[in-house]
Amino acid sequence: MRFDASRWMVIDVESTCWERPEDKGAQESDIIEIGIAIVDLRKRELESTHQLYVQPVRSTVSTFCTNLTGITPEILQAQGQFPEVWPRVAELVRDHNTGTWASWGDYDRNMFENTVNWWNEDWLLPRTHMNLKQLEATMRGRDRGVGQKRSVQAAGLTWEGRNHCGRDDAQMAARVLIALWERR
């Protein structure tokens, strides 16, 4: 199947996190949520959003992390570990025929690469990745990217949902992408 280059999968991951580096101890940051927004740039529309939770195995969800993301250890107890959730991402790539995936900055790409390698899984996302933070900076004539909330305001949009919720952050990044596409 040939992927459609106009169809993008915008992804935002949330990971286990700590307020201070010393709180982390020997734990490694695990992906705990994969937020996905499917965009059709030809139609200039957000088609759908998806929220996949992932049970951490190398760390626990701190109180700080719960307060930041809204994700509790109880939510994650009933979820699959990364190797069980990862194929669902591949299904969404196939089902929506996405040819490109994007994220706000490189954190999400790096977390996927590290997690895929740690679990010894195959890469299931499209090979083409776009850093939306850098794309937005370039299109607005800036040398550096800005935070996602600031870019939402610059696009004339209003933030919707919870900041640091993967699905909501992916949806807002997708809306910025559509706004950038419309002004090109």
N, C-alpha and C. Protein backbone atom coordinates (compact mmCIF):
# COMPACT_ATOMS: atom_id res chain seq x y z
N MET A 1 0.84 -1.18 0.00
CA MET A 1 0.00 0.00 0.00
C MET A 1 0.89 1.24 0.00
N ARG A 2 0.59 2.18 -0.87
CA ARG A 2 1.30 3.45 -0.89
C ARG A 2 0.63 4.38 0.10
N PHE A 3 1.43 5.02 0.92
CA PHE A 3 0.87 5.95 1.88
C PHE A 3 0.63 7.30 1.24
N ASP A 4 -0.39 7.97 1.71
CA ASP A 4 -0.78 9.27 1.21
C ASP A 4 0.01 10.35 1.95
N ALA A 5 0.84 11.09 1.25
CA ALA A 5 1.70 12.11 1.87
C ALA A 5 0.90 13.27 2.46
N SER A 6 -0.34 13.42 2.07
CA SER A 6 -1.15 14.51 2.61
C SER A 6 -1.82 14.14 3.93
N ARG A 7 -1.69 12.88 4.31
CA ARG A 7 -2.31 12.41 5.56
C ARG A 7 -1.22 12.24 6.61
N TRP A 8 -1.36 12.99 7.68
CA TRP A 8 -0.35 13.01 8.74
C TRP A 8 -0.92 12.48 10.03
N MET A 9 -0.07 11.84 10.79
CA MET A 9 -0.39 11.38 12.14
C MET A 9 0.42 12.25 13.10
N VAL A 10 -0.26 13.11 13.84
CA VAL A 10 0.41 13.96 14.83
C VAL A 10 0.34 13.23 16.17
N ILE A 11 1.51 13.08 16.80
CA ILE A 11 1.59 12.29 18.03
C ILE A 11 2.19 13.11 19.16
N ASP A 12 1.63 12.92 20.34
CA ASP A 12 2.20 13.49 21.55
C ASP A 12 2.23 12.38 22.60
N VAL A 13 3.41 12.13 23.16
CA VAL A 13 3.50 11.12 24.22
C VAL A 13 3.64 11.80 25.57
N GLU A 14 3.08 11.16 26.56
CA GLU A 14 3.30 11.54 27.95
C GLU A 14 4.09 10.40 28.57
N SER A 15 5.01 10.76 29.42
CA SER A 15 5.91 9.78 30.03
C SER A 15 5.94 9.96 31.54
N THR A 16 6.38 8.92 32.23
CA THR A 16 6.57 9.07 33.66
C THR A 16 7.57 10.20 33.88
N CYS A 17 7.33 10.99 34.94
CA CYS A 17 8.15 12.16 35.17
C CYS A 17 8.20 12.45 36.67
N TRP A 18 9.15 13.29 37.03
CA TRP A 18 9.38 13.62 38.42
C TRP A 18 9.63 15.10 38.56
N GLU A 19 9.29 15.64 39.72
CA GLU A 19 9.46 17.07 39.94
C GLU A 19 10.94 17.46 39.98
N ARG A 20 11.77 16.64 40.63
CA ARG A 20 13.20 16.92 40.75
C ARG A 20 13.97 15.69 40.27
N PRO A 21 15.15 15.90 39.68
CA PRO A 21 15.95 14.76 39.19
C PRO A 21 16.22 13.72 40.28
N GLU A 22 16.43 14.15 41.49
CA GLU A 22 16.72 13.20 42.55
C GLU A 22 15.52 12.33 42.91
N ASP A 23 14.31 12.76 42.56
CA ASP A 23 13.11 11.95 42.80
C ASP A 23 13.06 10.73 41.88
N LYS A 24 13.72 10.83 40.75
CA LYS A 24 13.71 9.76 39.75
C LYS A 24 14.43 8.51 40.25
N GLY A 25 15.53 8.71 40.93
CA GLY A 25 16.33 7.57 41.39
C GLY A 25 16.83 6.76 40.20
N ALA A 26 16.70 5.44 40.29
CA ALA A 26 17.18 4.54 39.23
C ALA A 26 16.13 4.27 38.16
N GLN A 27 14.99 4.93 38.25
CA GLN A 27 13.91 4.69 37.29
C GLN A 27 14.25 5.28 35.92
N GLU A 28 13.73 4.64 34.89
CA GLU A 28 13.82 5.15 33.52
C GLU A 28 12.44 5.64 33.11
N SER A 29 12.39 6.73 32.39
CA SER A 29 11.12 7.29 31.96
C SER A 29 10.45 6.34 30.95
N ASP A 30 9.19 6.01 31.21
CA ASP A 30 8.39 5.15 30.34
C ASP A 30 7.28 5.96 29.68
N ILE A 31 6.95 5.62 28.45
CA ILE A 31 5.76 6.19 27.81
C ILE A 31 4.54 5.66 28.53
N ILE A 32 3.63 6.56 28.92
CA ILE A 32 2.39 6.13 29.58
C ILE A 32 1.14 6.52 28.80
N GLU A 33 1.29 7.39 27.82
CA GLU A 33 0.16 7.75 26.96
C GLU A 33 0.68 8.10 25.58
N ILE A 34 -0.03 7.64 24.56
CA ILE A 34 0.25 8.03 23.17
C ILE A 34 -1.02 8.71 22.66
N GLY A 35 -0.92 10.02 22.49
CA GLY A 35 -2.03 10.78 21.93
C GLY A 35 -1.82 10.94 20.44
N ILE A 36 -2.87 10.73 19.67
CA ILE A 36 -2.75 10.74 18.21
C ILE A 36 -3.88 11.59 17.61
N ALA A 37 -3.51 12.42 16.65
CA ALA A 37 -4.48 13.18 15.87
C ALA A 37 -4.19 12.91 14.39
N ILE A 38 -5.21 12.53 13.65
CA ILE A 38 -5.08 12.25 12.22
C ILE A 38 -5.53 13.48 11.45
N VAL A 39 -4.64 13.95 10.55
CA VAL A 39 -4.90 15.17 9.78
C VAL A 39 -4.88 14.85 8.29
N ASP A 40 -5.85 15.39 7.58
CA ASP A 40 -5.84 15.34 6.12
C ASP A 40 -5.55 16.76 5.66
N LEU A 41 -4.33 17.00 5.15
CA LEU A 41 -3.95 18.35 4.75
C LEU A 41 -4.64 18.80 3.47
N ARG A 42 -5.01 17.87 2.60
CA ARG A 42 -5.75 18.26 1.39
C ARG A 42 -7.09 18.89 1.78
N LYS A 43 -7.77 18.24 2.71
CA LYS A 43 -9.06 18.75 3.17
C LYS A 43 -8.91 19.81 4.25
N ARG A 44 -7.69 19.94 4.79
CA ARG A 44 -7.41 20.87 5.88
C ARG A 44 -8.32 20.59 7.07
N GLU A 45 -8.33 19.31 7.45
CA GLU A 45 -9.20 18.96 8.59
C GLU A 45 -8.57 17.91 9.49
N LEU A 46 -8.97 18.02 10.74
CA LEU A 46 -8.62 17.03 11.75
C LEU A 46 -9.68 15.94 11.67
N GLU A 47 -9.27 14.74 11.31
CA GLU A 47 -10.23 13.66 11.11
C GLU A 47 -10.62 12.93 12.38
N SER A 48 -9.63 12.64 13.22
CA SER A 48 -9.93 11.89 14.43
C SER A 48 -8.80 12.02 15.44
N THR A 49 -9.12 11.70 16.68
CA THR A 49 -8.10 11.66 17.73
C THR A 49 -8.20 10.31 18.43
N HIS A 50 -7.07 9.91 19.00
CA HIS A 50 -6.99 8.62 19.68
C HIS A 50 -6.13 8.77 20.92
N GLN A 51 -6.44 7.98 21.93
CA GLN A 51 -5.71 8.02 23.19
C GLN A 51 -5.40 6.59 23.60
N LEU A 52 -4.11 6.27 23.64
CA LEU A 52 -3.67 4.93 24.02
C LEU A 52 -2.84 5.04 25.29
N TYR A 53 -3.26 4.33 26.32
CA TYR A 53 -2.49 4.31 27.56
C TYR A 53 -1.55 3.11 27.56
N VAL A 54 -0.40 3.28 28.22
CA VAL A 54 0.63 2.25 28.26
C VAL A 54 1.06 2.04 29.71
N GLN A 55 1.05 0.80 30.14
CA GLN A 55 1.49 0.48 31.49
C GLN A 55 3.02 0.57 31.58
N PRO A 56 3.55 1.37 32.51
CA PRO A 56 5.01 1.48 32.63
C PRO A 56 5.60 0.24 33.29
N VAL A 57 6.84 -0.07 32.94
CA VAL A 57 7.51 -1.23 33.55
C VAL A 57 8.83 -0.86 34.21
N ARG A 58 9.45 0.24 33.81
CA ARG A 58 10.74 0.64 34.36
C ARG A 58 10.62 1.76 35.39
N SER A 59 9.38 2.21 35.63
CA SER A 59 9.17 3.32 36.55
C SER A 59 7.73 3.30 37.05
N THR A 60 7.48 4.14 38.03
CA THR A 60 6.13 4.29 38.57
C THR A 60 5.66 5.72 38.31
N VAL A 61 4.36 5.91 38.35
CA VAL A 61 3.78 7.24 38.12
C VAL A 61 3.83 8.00 39.44
N SER A 62 4.59 9.09 39.45
CA SER A 62 4.73 9.91 40.65
C SER A 62 3.49 10.79 40.84
N THR A 63 3.32 11.30 42.03
CA THR A 63 2.24 12.24 42.30
C THR A 63 2.39 13.47 41.41
N PHE A 64 3.63 13.93 41.24
CA PHE A 64 3.89 15.06 40.35
C PHE A 64 3.39 14.76 38.94
N CYS A 65 3.67 13.57 38.43
CA CYS A 65 3.27 13.17 37.08
C CYS A 65 1.74 13.12 36.97
N THR A 66 1.09 12.56 37.99
CA THR A 66 -0.38 12.51 37.98
C THR A 66 -0.96 13.91 37.96
N ASN A 67 -0.41 14.81 38.80
CA ASN A 67 -0.91 16.19 38.82
C ASN A 67 -0.70 16.89 37.49
N LEU A 68 0.40 16.59 36.81
CA LEU A 68 0.71 17.22 35.53
C LEU A 68 -0.16 16.67 34.39
N THR A 69 -0.30 15.36 34.33
CA THR A 69 -0.95 14.71 33.18
C THR A 69 -2.39 14.27 33.44
N GLY A 70 -2.74 14.10 34.69
CA GLY A 70 -4.05 13.53 35.02
C GLY A 70 -4.07 12.01 34.96
N ILE A 71 -2.93 11.40 34.67
CA ILE A 71 -2.85 9.94 34.55
C ILE A 71 -2.45 9.35 35.90
N THR A 72 -3.28 8.45 36.38
CA THR A 72 -3.03 7.82 37.68
C THR A 72 -2.51 6.39 37.48
N PRO A 73 -1.85 5.85 38.50
CA PRO A 73 -1.43 4.45 38.42
C PRO A 73 -2.62 3.51 38.18
N GLU A 74 -3.76 3.86 38.73
CA GLU A 74 -4.96 3.02 38.57
C GLU A 74 -5.42 2.96 37.11
N ILE A 75 -5.33 4.08 36.41
CA ILE A 75 -5.70 4.09 34.98
C ILE A 75 -4.81 3.13 34.21
N LEU A 76 -3.53 3.11 34.55
CA LEU A 76 -2.55 2.33 33.80
C LEU A 76 -2.52 0.85 34.17
N GLN A 77 -3.04 0.49 35.34
CA GLN A 77 -3.01 -0.91 35.76
C GLN A 77 -3.71 -1.84 34.78
N ALA A 78 -4.78 -1.37 34.19
CA ALA A 78 -5.57 -2.21 33.28
C ALA A 78 -5.08 -2.15 31.84
N GLN A 79 -4.00 -1.41 31.59
CA GLN A 79 -3.52 -1.23 30.22
C GLN A 79 -2.41 -2.22 29.89
N GLY A 80 -2.17 -2.36 28.61
CA GLY A 80 -1.09 -3.22 28.16
C GLY A 80 0.25 -2.53 28.25
N GLN A 81 1.30 -3.31 28.27
CA GLN A 81 2.64 -2.76 28.21
C GLN A 81 2.94 -2.37 26.76
N PHE A 82 4.04 -1.69 26.53
CA PHE A 82 4.34 -1.14 25.22
C PHE A 82 4.22 -2.15 24.07
N PRO A 83 4.75 -3.38 24.20
CA PRO A 83 4.63 -4.32 23.07
C PRO A 83 3.18 -4.70 22.74
N GLU A 84 2.27 -4.52 23.67
CA GLU A 84 0.86 -4.80 23.40
C GLU A 84 0.14 -3.61 22.77
N VAL A 85 0.60 -2.40 23.07
CA VAL A 85 -0.04 -1.18 22.58
C VAL A 85 0.55 -0.75 21.23
N TRP A 86 1.84 -0.96 21.04
CA TRP A 86 2.55 -0.53 19.82
C TRP A 86 1.88 -1.00 18.54
N PRO A 87 1.41 -2.25 18.43
CA PRO A 87 0.73 -2.66 17.19
C PRO A 87 -0.54 -1.87 16.90
N ARG A 88 -1.18 -1.33 17.93
CA ARG A 88 -2.38 -0.51 17.72
C ARG A 88 -2.01 0.77 16.97
N VAL A 89 -0.82 1.30 17.25
CA VAL A 89 -0.35 2.48 16.52
C VAL A 89 -0.18 2.13 15.04
N ALA A 90 0.41 0.96 14.78
CA ALA A 90 0.58 0.51 13.38
C ALA A 90 -0.77 0.34 12.69
N GLU A 91 -1.76 -0.15 13.41
CA GLU A 91 -3.12 -0.28 12.83
C GLU A 91 -3.65 1.09 12.43
N LEU A 92 -3.44 2.09 13.27
CA LEU A 92 -3.92 3.44 12.95
C LEU A 92 -3.19 4.00 11.74
N VAL A 93 -1.89 3.73 11.63
CA VAL A 93 -1.14 4.16 10.44
C VAL A 93 -1.77 3.55 9.19
N ARG A 94 -2.03 2.25 9.24
CA ARG A 94 -2.63 1.55 8.09
C ARG A 94 -4.06 2.01 7.84
N ASP A 95 -4.87 2.04 8.89
CA ASP A 95 -6.29 2.40 8.74
C ASP A 95 -6.48 3.80 8.17
N HIS A 96 -5.59 4.70 8.53
CA HIS A 96 -5.72 6.09 8.09
C HIS A 96 -4.78 6.45 6.95
N ASN A 97 -4.00 5.46 6.50
CA ASN A 97 -3.11 5.62 5.34
C ASN A 97 -2.19 6.83 5.50
N THR A 98 -1.61 6.98 6.71
CA THR A 98 -0.75 8.14 6.95
C THR A 98 0.65 7.89 6.41
N GLY A 99 1.19 8.91 5.75
CA GLY A 99 2.52 8.80 5.17
C GLY A 99 3.58 9.54 5.95
N THR A 100 3.15 10.38 6.88
CA THR A 100 4.07 11.18 7.68
C THR A 100 3.56 11.20 9.11
N TRP A 101 4.49 11.19 10.05
CA TRP A 101 4.08 11.44 11.43
C TRP A 101 4.84 12.65 11.92
N ALA A 102 4.26 13.35 12.88
CA ALA A 102 4.83 14.60 13.36
C ALA A 102 4.64 14.70 14.86
N SER A 103 5.48 15.52 15.46
CA SER A 103 5.37 15.79 16.89
C SER A 103 5.89 17.20 17.16
N TRP A 104 5.52 17.73 18.32
CA TRP A 104 5.97 19.06 18.70
C TRP A 104 7.34 18.92 19.34
N GLY A 105 8.39 19.11 18.56
CA GLY A 105 9.75 18.93 19.03
C GLY A 105 10.22 17.51 18.79
N ASP A 106 11.37 17.18 19.35
CA ASP A 106 11.97 15.86 19.15
C ASP A 106 11.78 14.90 20.32
N TYR A 107 11.21 15.38 21.41
CA TYR A 107 11.05 14.52 22.59
C TYR A 107 10.30 13.24 22.26
N ASP A 108 9.19 13.37 21.57
CA ASP A 108 8.35 12.20 21.26
C ASP A 108 9.09 11.20 20.36
N ARG A 109 9.77 11.71 19.35
CA ARG A 109 10.54 10.84 18.46
C ARG A 109 11.63 10.11 19.25
N ASN A 110 12.33 10.83 20.10
CA ASN A 110 13.38 10.21 20.91
C ASN A 110 12.81 9.17 21.87
N MET A 111 11.67 9.47 22.49
CA MET A 111 11.06 8.50 23.40
C MET A 111 10.66 7.23 22.65
N PHE A 112 10.08 7.38 21.45
CA PHE A 112 9.73 6.20 20.66
C PHE A 112 10.98 5.40 20.29
N GLU A 113 12.01 6.07 19.80
CA GLU A 113 13.23 5.36 19.42
C GLU A 113 13.82 4.60 20.60
N ASN A 114 13.91 5.25 21.75
CA ASN A 114 14.46 4.60 22.94
C ASN A 114 13.59 3.43 23.40
N THR A 115 12.29 3.63 23.39
CA THR A 115 11.37 2.59 23.86
C THR A 115 11.35 1.40 22.90
N VAL A 116 11.29 1.67 21.61
CA VAL A 116 11.30 0.60 20.61
C VAL A 116 12.59 -0.21 20.74
N ASN A 117 13.71 0.47 20.90
CA ASN A 117 14.99 -0.23 21.06
C ASN A 117 15.03 -1.03 22.36
N TRP A 118 14.55 -0.45 23.45
CA TRP A 118 14.59 -1.15 24.74
C TRP A 118 13.77 -2.44 24.69
N TRP A 119 12.60 -2.38 24.05
CA TRP A 119 11.72 -3.54 23.95
C TRP A 119 12.12 -4.45 22.79
N ASN A 120 13.07 -4.02 21.96
CA ASN A 120 13.49 -4.78 20.79
C ASN A 120 12.32 -5.02 19.83
N GLU A 121 11.56 -3.97 19.61
CA GLU A 121 10.40 -4.02 18.72
C GLU A 121 10.79 -3.48 17.35
N ASP A 122 9.99 -3.76 16.35
CA ASP A 122 10.17 -3.19 15.02
C ASP A 122 9.61 -1.77 15.00
N TRP A 123 10.19 -0.94 14.14
CA TRP A 123 9.67 0.42 13.96
C TRP A 123 8.39 0.33 13.15
N LEU A 124 7.29 0.87 13.65
CA LEU A 124 5.99 0.74 12.99
C LEU A 124 5.41 2.05 12.48
N LEU A 125 6.05 3.16 12.78
CA LEU A 125 5.58 4.45 12.30
C LEU A 125 6.15 4.72 10.91
N PRO A 126 5.52 5.63 10.16
CA PRO A 126 6.14 6.02 8.89
C PRO A 126 7.56 6.52 9.14
N ARG A 127 8.43 6.35 8.18
CA ARG A 127 9.82 6.79 8.33
C ARG A 127 9.95 8.31 8.34
N THR A 128 9.04 9.00 7.69
CA THR A 128 9.10 10.45 7.61
C THR A 128 8.52 11.07 8.87
N HIS A 129 9.36 11.84 9.57
CA HIS A 129 8.94 12.55 10.78
C HIS A 129 9.16 14.05 10.58
N MET A 130 8.19 14.83 11.00
CA MET A 130 8.31 16.29 10.95
C MET A 130 8.28 16.84 12.37
N ASN A 131 9.23 17.71 12.66
CA ASN A 131 9.27 18.42 13.93
C ASN A 131 8.42 19.68 13.76
N LEU A 132 7.21 19.66 14.29
CA LEU A 132 6.29 20.77 14.08
C LEU A 132 6.75 22.05 14.77
N LYS A 133 7.47 21.92 15.85
CA LYS A 133 7.98 23.10 16.55
C LYS A 133 8.95 23.86 15.62
N GLN A 134 9.83 23.12 14.96
CA GLN A 134 10.78 23.75 14.04
C GLN A 134 10.08 24.24 12.77
N LEU A 135 9.13 23.47 12.27
CA LEU A 135 8.38 23.88 11.09
C LEU A 135 7.65 25.19 11.35
N GLU A 136 7.00 25.28 12.50
CA GLU A 136 6.25 26.49 12.85
C GLU A 136 7.20 27.68 12.97
N ALA A 137 8.37 27.48 13.58
CA ALA A 137 9.35 28.56 13.71
C ALA A 137 9.82 29.03 12.33
N THR A 138 10.14 28.10 11.46
CA THR A 138 10.61 28.43 10.12
C THR A 138 9.55 29.20 9.35
N MET A 139 8.31 28.72 9.41
CA MET A 139 7.24 29.38 8.65
C MET A 139 6.90 30.77 9.20
N ARG A 140 7.22 31.01 10.46
CA ARG A 140 6.95 32.32 11.06
C ARG A 140 8.19 33.22 11.08
N GLY A 141 9.30 32.73 10.47
CA GLY A 141 10.51 33.53 10.35
C GLY A 141 11.32 33.64 11.63
N ARG A 142 11.17 32.67 12.54
CA ARG A 142 11.95 32.67 13.78
C ARG A 142 13.08 31.66 13.68
N ASP A 143 14.15 31.90 14.41
CA ASP A 143 15.27 30.96 14.44
C ASP A 143 14.97 29.78 15.35
N ARG A 144 14.17 30.00 16.37
CA ARG A 144 13.88 28.95 17.36
C ARG A 144 12.39 28.75 17.50
N GLY A 145 12.04 27.53 17.87
CA GLY A 145 10.65 27.23 18.13
C GLY A 145 10.21 27.77 19.47
N VAL A 146 8.91 27.86 19.64
CA VAL A 146 8.32 28.31 20.90
C VAL A 146 7.48 27.18 21.46
N GLY A 147 7.01 27.37 22.66
CA GLY A 147 6.15 26.38 23.28
C GLY A 147 4.84 26.22 22.51
N GLN A 148 4.23 25.09 22.71
CA GLN A 148 3.02 24.78 21.97
C GLN A 148 1.89 25.76 22.28
N LYS A 149 1.73 26.14 23.53
CA LYS A 149 0.65 27.07 23.87
C LYS A 149 0.84 28.41 23.16
N ARG A 150 2.08 28.88 23.09
CA ARG A 150 2.36 30.15 22.40
C ARG A 150 2.07 30.02 20.91
N SER A 151 2.40 28.88 20.32
CA SER A 151 2.15 28.70 18.89
C SER A 151 0.65 28.63 18.60
N VAL A 152 -0.11 28.08 19.53
CA VAL A 152 -1.57 28.02 19.38
C VAL A 152 -2.12 29.45 19.34
N GLN A 153 -1.64 30.30 20.23
CA GLN A 153 -2.07 31.71 20.25
C GLN A 153 -1.65 32.42 18.96
N ALA A 154 -0.41 32.17 18.51
CA ALA A 154 0.08 32.81 17.28
C ALA A 154 -0.74 32.41 16.06
N ALA A 155 -1.31 31.21 16.11
CA ALA A 155 -2.15 30.74 15.01
C ALA A 155 -3.58 31.28 15.10
N GLY A 156 -3.87 32.05 16.15
CA GLY A 156 -5.20 32.60 16.33
C GLY A 156 -6.19 31.58 16.86
N LEU A 157 -5.67 30.54 17.49
CA LEU A 157 -6.52 29.49 18.03
C LEU A 157 -6.63 29.61 19.55
N THR A 158 -7.60 28.94 20.11
CA THR A 158 -7.78 28.87 21.56
C THR A 158 -7.45 27.47 22.00
N TRP A 159 -6.67 27.37 23.08
CA TRP A 159 -6.31 26.05 23.60
C TRP A 159 -7.56 25.32 24.06
N GLU A 160 -7.67 24.07 23.66
CA GLU A 160 -8.79 23.23 24.09
C GLU A 160 -8.24 22.00 24.78
N GLY A 161 -8.86 21.60 25.85
CA GLY A 161 -8.44 20.40 26.56
C GLY A 161 -7.42 20.68 27.64
N ARG A 162 -6.79 19.62 28.09
CA ARG A 162 -5.82 19.69 29.18
C ARG A 162 -4.40 19.67 28.61
N ASN A 163 -3.60 20.65 29.01
CA ASN A 163 -2.19 20.64 28.65
C ASN A 163 -1.53 19.44 29.34
N HIS A 164 -0.66 18.76 28.65
CA HIS A 164 0.01 17.53 29.11
C HIS A 164 -0.92 16.33 29.13
N CYS A 165 -1.97 16.39 28.36
CA CYS A 165 -2.77 15.21 28.02
C CYS A 165 -2.37 14.90 26.58
N GLY A 166 -1.83 13.71 26.33
CA GLY A 166 -1.31 13.38 25.01
C GLY A 166 -2.30 13.62 23.89
N ARG A 167 -3.54 13.16 24.07
CA ARG A 167 -4.54 13.33 23.01
C ARG A 167 -4.83 14.81 22.78
N ASP A 168 -5.00 15.59 23.84
CA ASP A 168 -5.30 17.01 23.69
C ASP A 168 -4.13 17.76 23.08
N ASP A 169 -2.90 17.44 23.51
CA ASP A 169 -1.72 18.10 22.95
C ASP A 169 -1.54 17.75 21.47
N ALA A 170 -1.79 16.49 21.11
CA ALA A 170 -1.70 16.09 19.70
C ALA A 170 -2.74 16.83 18.87
N GLN A 171 -3.94 16.95 19.40
CA GLN A 171 -5.01 17.65 18.70
C GLN A 171 -4.66 19.12 18.48
N MET A 172 -4.09 19.77 19.50
CA MET A 172 -3.73 21.18 19.34
C MET A 172 -2.56 21.35 18.37
N ALA A 173 -1.58 20.45 18.41
CA ALA A 173 -0.48 20.50 17.44
C ALA A 173 -1.01 20.31 16.03
N ALA A 174 -2.00 19.43 15.87
CA ALA A 174 -2.61 19.20 14.56
C ALA A 174 -3.33 20.46 14.08
N ARG A 175 -3.98 21.15 14.97
CA ARG A 175 -4.68 22.39 14.58
C ARG A 175 -3.69 23.48 14.16
N VAL A 176 -2.54 23.53 14.85
CA VAL A 176 -1.50 24.48 14.44
C VAL A 176 -0.99 24.10 13.05
N LEU A 177 -0.77 22.81 12.81
CA LEU A 177 -0.32 22.34 11.49
C LEU A 177 -1.30 22.76 10.40
N ILE A 178 -2.58 22.57 10.64
CA ILE A 178 -3.59 22.96 9.65
C ILE A 178 -3.56 24.47 9.42
N ALA A 179 -3.43 25.25 10.49
CA ALA A 179 -3.37 26.71 10.35
C ALA A 179 -2.13 27.13 9.54
N LEU A 180 -1.01 26.47 9.78
CA LEU A 180 0.21 26.77 9.02
C LEU A 180 0.02 26.41 7.55
N TRP A 181 -0.62 25.27 7.31
CA TRP A 181 -0.85 24.80 5.93
C TRP A 181 -1.75 25.79 5.18
N GLU A 182 -2.74 26.35 5.87
CA GLU A 182 -3.65 27.29 5.23
C GLU A 182 -2.98 28.60 4.86
N ARG A 183 -1.95 29.00 5.59
CA ARG A 183 -1.31 30.29 5.32
C ARG A 183 -0.13 30.19 4.38
N ARG A 184 0.21 28.99 3.95
CA ARG A 184 1.41 28.83 3.10
C ARG A 184 1.21 29.44 1.73
